[in-house]
């Protein structure tokens, strides 16, 4: 079997704040909430939020990985994230057949959103 990525997680400091942010951005409710690890289950991948302090870990918070999330309308998502006070770290730009931008979430993680343009 070929390796497959089935989950990705971000380290967070404030689980409640992070869950609320991603519920608002994804427009879905959390699938499983826990103070240590919370899960958003999508069709092909699970997006997890992990609070390393629960295990006594000293994991770096913020920009440990850059999730790349496809959206239907990049401009609308950019407006939505800006309205939530997110810092834009890469403005909306056309790269090949994609519209791409990056924001910093409330936990300090960089998240990229993209839209495929025909």
N, C-alpha and C. Protein backbone atom coordinates (compact mmCIF):
# COMPACT_ATOMS: atom_id res chain seq x y z
N UNK A 1 0.83 -1.18 0.00
CA UNK A 1 0.00 0.00 0.00
C UNK A 1 0.88 1.25 0.00
N UNK A 2 0.51 2.24 -0.81
CA UNK A 2 1.22 3.50 -0.84
C UNK A 2 0.92 4.28 0.44
N UNK A 3 1.87 5.06 0.93
CA UNK A 3 1.58 5.91 2.08
C UNK A 3 0.47 6.90 1.74
N UNK A 4 -0.39 7.14 2.71
CA UNK A 4 -1.49 8.08 2.54
C UNK A 4 -1.56 8.98 3.76
N UNK A 5 -1.77 10.25 3.54
CA UNK A 5 -1.95 11.17 4.65
C UNK A 5 -3.43 11.16 5.01
N UNK A 6 -3.73 10.74 6.23
CA UNK A 6 -5.11 10.62 6.68
C UNK A 6 -5.46 11.67 7.73
N UNK A 7 -4.44 12.30 8.30
CA UNK A 7 -4.69 13.31 9.33
C UNK A 7 -3.53 14.28 9.38
N UNK A 8 -3.85 15.47 9.83
CA UNK A 8 -2.84 16.49 10.06
C UNK A 8 -3.26 17.23 11.32
N UNK A 9 -2.30 17.59 12.16
CA UNK A 9 -2.69 18.34 13.35
C UNK A 9 -1.82 19.56 13.56
N UNK A 10 -2.45 20.54 14.21
CA UNK A 10 -1.78 21.78 14.58
C UNK A 10 -1.67 21.83 16.09
N UNK A 11 -0.57 22.31 16.59
CA UNK A 11 -0.43 22.53 18.03
C UNK A 11 -1.09 23.86 18.38
N UNK A 12 -1.84 23.85 19.49
CA UNK A 12 -2.56 25.05 19.92
C UNK A 12 -2.34 25.29 21.41
N UNK A 13 -2.54 26.54 21.83
CA UNK A 13 -2.43 26.88 23.26
C UNK A 13 -3.80 26.92 23.92
N UNK A 14 -4.82 27.30 23.17
CA UNK A 14 -6.16 27.49 23.73
C UNK A 14 -7.15 26.68 22.88
N UNK A 15 -7.48 25.48 23.34
CA UNK A 15 -8.33 24.58 22.56
C UNK A 15 -9.68 25.18 22.24
N UNK A 16 -10.32 25.80 23.22
CA UNK A 16 -11.63 26.39 22.98
C UNK A 16 -11.60 27.46 21.91
N UNK A 17 -10.61 28.34 21.99
CA UNK A 17 -10.47 29.41 20.99
C UNK A 17 -10.19 28.82 19.61
N UNK A 18 -9.31 27.83 19.54
CA UNK A 18 -8.96 27.22 18.26
C UNK A 18 -10.16 26.50 17.64
N UNK A 19 -10.90 25.75 18.46
CA UNK A 19 -12.09 25.03 17.95
C UNK A 19 -13.10 26.03 17.40
N UNK A 20 -13.38 27.08 18.14
CA UNK A 20 -14.35 28.09 17.68
C UNK A 20 -13.90 28.70 16.36
N UNK A 21 -12.63 29.05 16.26
CA UNK A 21 -12.11 29.65 15.03
C UNK A 21 -12.33 28.72 13.84
N UNK A 22 -11.94 27.46 13.95
CA UNK A 22 -12.05 26.53 12.83
C UNK A 22 -13.49 26.12 12.55
N UNK A 23 -14.35 26.06 13.56
CA UNK A 23 -15.76 25.83 13.30
C UNK A 23 -16.32 26.98 12.45
N UNK A 24 -15.93 28.20 12.78
CA UNK A 24 -16.38 29.36 12.01
C UNK A 24 -15.83 29.36 10.59
N UNK A 25 -14.56 29.05 10.44
CA UNK A 25 -13.92 29.05 9.13
C UNK A 25 -14.43 27.91 8.25
N UNK A 26 -14.49 26.69 8.82
CA UNK A 26 -14.92 25.52 8.05
C UNK A 26 -16.43 25.43 7.90
N UNK A 27 -17.17 26.15 8.73
CA UNK A 27 -18.64 26.09 8.73
C UNK A 27 -19.13 24.67 9.05
N UNK A 28 -18.41 23.98 9.93
CA UNK A 28 -18.81 22.66 10.42
C UNK A 28 -18.54 22.60 11.92
N UNK A 29 -19.25 21.74 12.60
CA UNK A 29 -19.04 21.52 14.02
C UNK A 29 -17.90 20.51 14.20
N UNK A 30 -17.21 20.65 15.30
CA UNK A 30 -16.14 19.72 15.65
C UNK A 30 -16.71 18.30 15.74
N UNK A 31 -15.99 17.31 15.26
CA UNK A 31 -16.46 15.91 15.30
C UNK A 31 -16.24 15.30 16.67
N UNK A 32 -15.13 15.69 17.30
CA UNK A 32 -14.77 15.14 18.61
C UNK A 32 -13.97 16.19 19.37
N UNK A 33 -14.45 16.58 20.55
CA UNK A 33 -13.76 17.60 21.35
C UNK A 33 -13.13 16.97 22.58
N UNK A 34 -11.88 17.34 22.83
CA UNK A 34 -11.17 16.92 24.03
C UNK A 34 -10.15 18.01 24.32
N UNK A 35 -9.83 18.24 25.58
CA UNK A 35 -8.89 19.31 25.90
C UNK A 35 -7.49 19.02 25.35
N UNK A 36 -7.16 17.76 25.08
CA UNK A 36 -5.86 17.38 24.54
C UNK A 36 -5.85 17.37 23.02
N UNK A 37 -6.86 16.72 22.40
CA UNK A 37 -6.90 16.55 20.94
C UNK A 37 -8.35 16.63 20.48
N UNK A 38 -8.64 17.56 19.60
CA UNK A 38 -9.97 17.71 19.03
C UNK A 38 -9.88 17.46 17.53
N UNK A 39 -10.99 16.93 16.95
CA UNK A 39 -10.95 16.44 15.57
C UNK A 39 -12.07 17.02 14.73
N UNK A 40 -11.69 17.47 13.54
CA UNK A 40 -12.65 17.77 12.47
C UNK A 40 -12.48 16.65 11.46
N UNK A 41 -13.51 15.82 11.26
CA UNK A 41 -13.42 14.71 10.32
C UNK A 41 -14.02 15.13 8.98
N UNK A 42 -13.20 15.09 7.95
CA UNK A 42 -13.65 15.38 6.59
C UNK A 42 -13.65 14.08 5.81
N UNK A 43 -14.09 14.11 4.55
CA UNK A 43 -14.20 12.88 3.77
C UNK A 43 -12.88 12.10 3.67
N UNK A 44 -11.79 12.78 3.37
CA UNK A 44 -10.54 12.08 3.10
C UNK A 44 -9.43 12.33 4.11
N UNK A 45 -9.69 13.19 5.09
CA UNK A 45 -8.63 13.53 6.04
C UNK A 45 -9.25 14.07 7.33
N UNK A 46 -8.55 13.86 8.40
CA UNK A 46 -8.96 14.45 9.68
C UNK A 46 -8.02 15.62 9.98
N UNK A 47 -8.61 16.72 10.40
CA UNK A 47 -7.87 17.92 10.77
C UNK A 47 -7.96 18.01 12.29
N UNK A 48 -6.82 17.86 12.96
CA UNK A 48 -6.81 17.79 14.42
C UNK A 48 -6.14 19.00 15.05
N UNK A 49 -6.60 19.33 16.24
CA UNK A 49 -6.00 20.38 17.05
C UNK A 49 -5.45 19.70 18.30
N UNK A 50 -4.20 19.97 18.62
CA UNK A 50 -3.49 19.28 19.72
C UNK A 50 -2.92 20.30 20.69
N UNK A 51 -3.23 20.13 21.98
CA UNK A 51 -2.65 20.97 23.02
C UNK A 51 -1.52 20.19 23.68
N UNK A 52 -0.26 20.45 23.30
CA UNK A 52 0.86 19.69 23.81
C UNK A 52 1.09 19.87 25.32
N UNK A 53 0.58 20.94 25.90
CA UNK A 53 0.81 21.18 27.33
C UNK A 53 0.12 20.12 28.19
N UNK A 54 -0.92 19.50 27.68
CA UNK A 54 -1.64 18.45 28.42
C UNK A 54 -0.69 17.28 28.71
N UNK A 55 0.19 16.98 27.75
CA UNK A 55 1.15 15.89 27.91
C UNK A 55 2.48 16.36 28.49
N UNK A 56 2.57 17.65 28.81
CA UNK A 56 3.83 18.20 29.32
C UNK A 56 4.86 18.42 28.23
N UNK A 57 4.43 18.36 26.97
CA UNK A 57 5.35 18.57 25.85
C UNK A 57 5.69 20.05 25.72
N UNK A 58 6.85 20.33 25.19
CA UNK A 58 7.29 21.70 24.95
C UNK A 58 7.31 21.99 23.45
N UNK A 59 6.29 21.51 22.75
CA UNK A 59 6.18 21.69 21.31
C UNK A 59 6.07 23.16 20.96
N UNK A 60 6.74 23.55 19.90
CA UNK A 60 6.64 24.91 19.39
C UNK A 60 5.20 25.15 18.90
N UNK A 61 4.68 26.30 19.22
CA UNK A 61 3.33 26.67 18.78
C UNK A 61 3.46 27.69 17.67
N UNK A 62 2.68 27.52 16.63
CA UNK A 62 2.67 28.49 15.54
C UNK A 62 3.60 28.11 14.41
N UNK A 63 3.01 27.96 13.24
CA UNK A 63 3.74 27.69 12.01
C UNK A 63 4.56 26.41 12.04
N UNK A 64 4.02 25.36 12.71
CA UNK A 64 4.72 24.09 12.71
C UNK A 64 4.46 23.31 11.42
N UNK A 65 3.40 23.67 10.69
CA UNK A 65 3.05 23.06 9.41
C UNK A 65 2.11 24.05 8.73
N UNK A 66 2.06 24.03 7.42
CA UNK A 66 1.16 24.93 6.71
C UNK A 66 0.10 24.10 5.98
N UNK A 67 -1.07 23.92 6.58
CA UNK A 67 -2.15 23.22 5.88
C UNK A 67 -2.59 24.04 4.66
N UNK A 68 -2.88 23.36 3.60
CA UNK A 68 -3.32 23.98 2.35
C UNK A 68 -4.75 23.53 2.12
N UNK A 69 -5.71 24.44 2.25
CA UNK A 69 -7.12 24.10 2.28
C UNK A 69 -7.82 24.66 1.04
N UNK A 70 -8.42 23.77 0.26
CA UNK A 70 -9.15 24.20 -0.93
C UNK A 70 -10.52 24.75 -0.53
N UNK A 71 -10.89 25.88 -1.12
CA UNK A 71 -12.18 26.49 -0.87
C UNK A 71 -12.85 26.80 -2.21
N UNK A 72 -14.16 26.98 -2.17
CA UNK A 72 -14.90 27.28 -3.39
C UNK A 72 -14.64 28.71 -3.87
N UNK A 73 -14.52 29.65 -2.91
CA UNK A 73 -14.36 31.06 -3.24
C UNK A 73 -13.28 31.67 -2.34
N UNK A 74 -12.08 31.83 -2.88
CA UNK A 74 -10.95 32.34 -2.09
C UNK A 74 -11.19 33.77 -1.62
N UNK A 75 -11.80 34.60 -2.45
CA UNK A 75 -12.06 35.99 -2.06
C UNK A 75 -13.01 36.05 -0.87
N UNK A 76 -14.05 35.24 -0.91
CA UNK A 76 -15.02 35.20 0.18
C UNK A 76 -14.36 34.68 1.47
N UNK A 77 -13.52 33.66 1.35
CA UNK A 77 -12.83 33.12 2.53
C UNK A 77 -11.85 34.15 3.09
N UNK A 78 -11.17 34.87 2.22
CA UNK A 78 -10.26 35.92 2.68
C UNK A 78 -11.02 36.98 3.46
N UNK A 79 -12.16 37.40 2.94
CA UNK A 79 -12.98 38.39 3.65
C UNK A 79 -13.43 37.85 5.01
N UNK A 80 -13.81 36.57 5.04
CA UNK A 80 -14.27 35.92 6.27
C UNK A 80 -13.15 35.88 7.32
N UNK A 81 -11.95 35.50 6.91
CA UNK A 81 -10.84 35.40 7.87
C UNK A 81 -10.41 36.78 8.35
N UNK A 82 -10.43 37.77 7.47
CA UNK A 82 -10.08 39.14 7.87
C UNK A 82 -11.10 39.68 8.86
N UNK A 83 -12.37 39.36 8.64
CA UNK A 83 -13.43 39.81 9.56
C UNK A 83 -13.26 39.21 10.95
N UNK A 84 -12.58 38.07 11.03
CA UNK A 84 -12.32 37.42 12.32
C UNK A 84 -11.02 37.92 12.94
N UNK A 85 -10.40 38.91 12.30
CA UNK A 85 -9.20 39.52 12.86
C UNK A 85 -7.91 38.81 12.52
N UNK A 86 -7.94 37.89 11.56
CA UNK A 86 -6.71 37.17 11.18
C UNK A 86 -5.75 38.09 10.44
N UNK A 87 -4.49 37.91 10.71
CA UNK A 87 -3.44 38.64 10.01
C UNK A 87 -3.19 37.94 8.67
N UNK A 88 -3.23 38.68 7.59
CA UNK A 88 -2.92 38.13 6.27
C UNK A 88 -1.40 38.14 6.12
N UNK A 89 -0.80 36.98 5.92
CA UNK A 89 0.65 36.89 5.79
C UNK A 89 1.08 36.76 4.33
N UNK A 90 0.14 36.38 3.46
CA UNK A 90 0.38 36.38 2.01
C UNK A 90 -0.93 36.81 1.37
N UNK A 91 -0.94 37.97 0.71
CA UNK A 91 -2.18 38.46 0.12
C UNK A 91 -2.66 37.54 -1.01
N UNK A 92 -3.92 37.69 -1.35
CA UNK A 92 -4.51 36.91 -2.43
C UNK A 92 -3.75 37.16 -3.71
N UNK A 93 -3.30 36.09 -4.34
CA UNK A 93 -2.59 36.23 -5.60
C UNK A 93 -2.89 35.04 -6.49
N UNK A 94 -2.75 35.25 -7.79
CA UNK A 94 -2.94 34.18 -8.76
C UNK A 94 -1.60 33.52 -8.99
N UNK A 95 -1.57 32.20 -8.79
CA UNK A 95 -0.37 31.41 -9.03
C UNK A 95 -0.79 30.26 -9.95
N UNK A 96 -0.40 30.36 -11.20
CA UNK A 96 -0.85 29.36 -12.16
C UNK A 96 -2.37 29.36 -12.26
N UNK A 97 -2.97 28.20 -12.03
CA UNK A 97 -4.43 28.10 -12.11
C UNK A 97 -5.10 28.27 -10.74
N UNK A 98 -4.36 28.79 -9.75
CA UNK A 98 -4.89 28.91 -8.40
C UNK A 98 -4.93 30.36 -7.93
N UNK A 99 -5.93 30.66 -7.11
CA UNK A 99 -5.94 31.88 -6.30
C UNK A 99 -5.55 31.44 -4.91
N UNK A 100 -4.53 32.05 -4.32
CA UNK A 100 -3.96 31.59 -3.05
C UNK A 100 -3.78 32.77 -2.11
N UNK A 101 -4.01 32.50 -0.81
CA UNK A 101 -3.63 33.47 0.23
C UNK A 101 -3.33 32.69 1.51
N UNK A 102 -2.60 33.34 2.41
CA UNK A 102 -2.28 32.74 3.71
C UNK A 102 -2.64 33.70 4.82
N UNK A 103 -3.11 33.12 5.93
CA UNK A 103 -3.42 33.91 7.12
C UNK A 103 -2.71 33.27 8.31
N UNK A 104 -2.64 34.03 9.38
CA UNK A 104 -2.16 33.49 10.65
C UNK A 104 -3.39 33.30 11.53
N UNK A 105 -3.62 32.08 12.02
CA UNK A 105 -4.79 31.82 12.86
C UNK A 105 -4.55 32.37 14.27
N UNK A 106 -5.57 32.35 15.13
CA UNK A 106 -5.41 32.91 16.48
C UNK A 106 -4.34 32.22 17.33
N UNK A 107 -3.90 31.02 16.93
CA UNK A 107 -2.87 30.30 17.67
C UNK A 107 -1.47 30.54 17.11
N UNK A 108 -1.37 31.34 16.04
CA UNK A 108 -0.07 31.64 15.45
C UNK A 108 0.33 30.73 14.30
N UNK A 109 -0.56 29.83 13.88
CA UNK A 109 -0.27 28.92 12.77
C UNK A 109 -0.60 29.59 11.44
N UNK A 110 0.25 29.39 10.44
CA UNK A 110 -0.02 29.89 9.10
C UNK A 110 -0.87 28.86 8.37
N UNK A 111 -1.99 29.32 7.78
CA UNK A 111 -2.91 28.47 7.05
C UNK A 111 -3.03 29.05 5.65
N UNK A 112 -2.92 28.17 4.64
CA UNK A 112 -3.09 28.60 3.26
C UNK A 112 -4.44 28.13 2.74
N UNK A 113 -5.11 29.02 2.02
CA UNK A 113 -6.37 28.69 1.37
C UNK A 113 -6.16 28.89 -0.13
N UNK A 114 -6.78 28.02 -0.94
CA UNK A 114 -6.65 28.18 -2.39
C UNK A 114 -7.95 27.81 -3.08
N UNK A 115 -8.11 28.39 -4.25
CA UNK A 115 -9.25 28.13 -5.12
C UNK A 115 -8.69 27.79 -6.49
N UNK A 116 -9.18 26.72 -7.09
CA UNK A 116 -8.76 26.36 -8.45
C UNK A 116 -9.59 27.17 -9.43
N UNK A 117 -8.89 27.87 -10.31
CA UNK A 117 -9.56 28.67 -11.33
C UNK A 117 -9.48 27.92 -12.66
N UNK A 118 -10.60 27.86 -13.38
CA UNK A 118 -10.59 27.17 -14.68
C UNK A 118 -9.78 27.92 -15.72
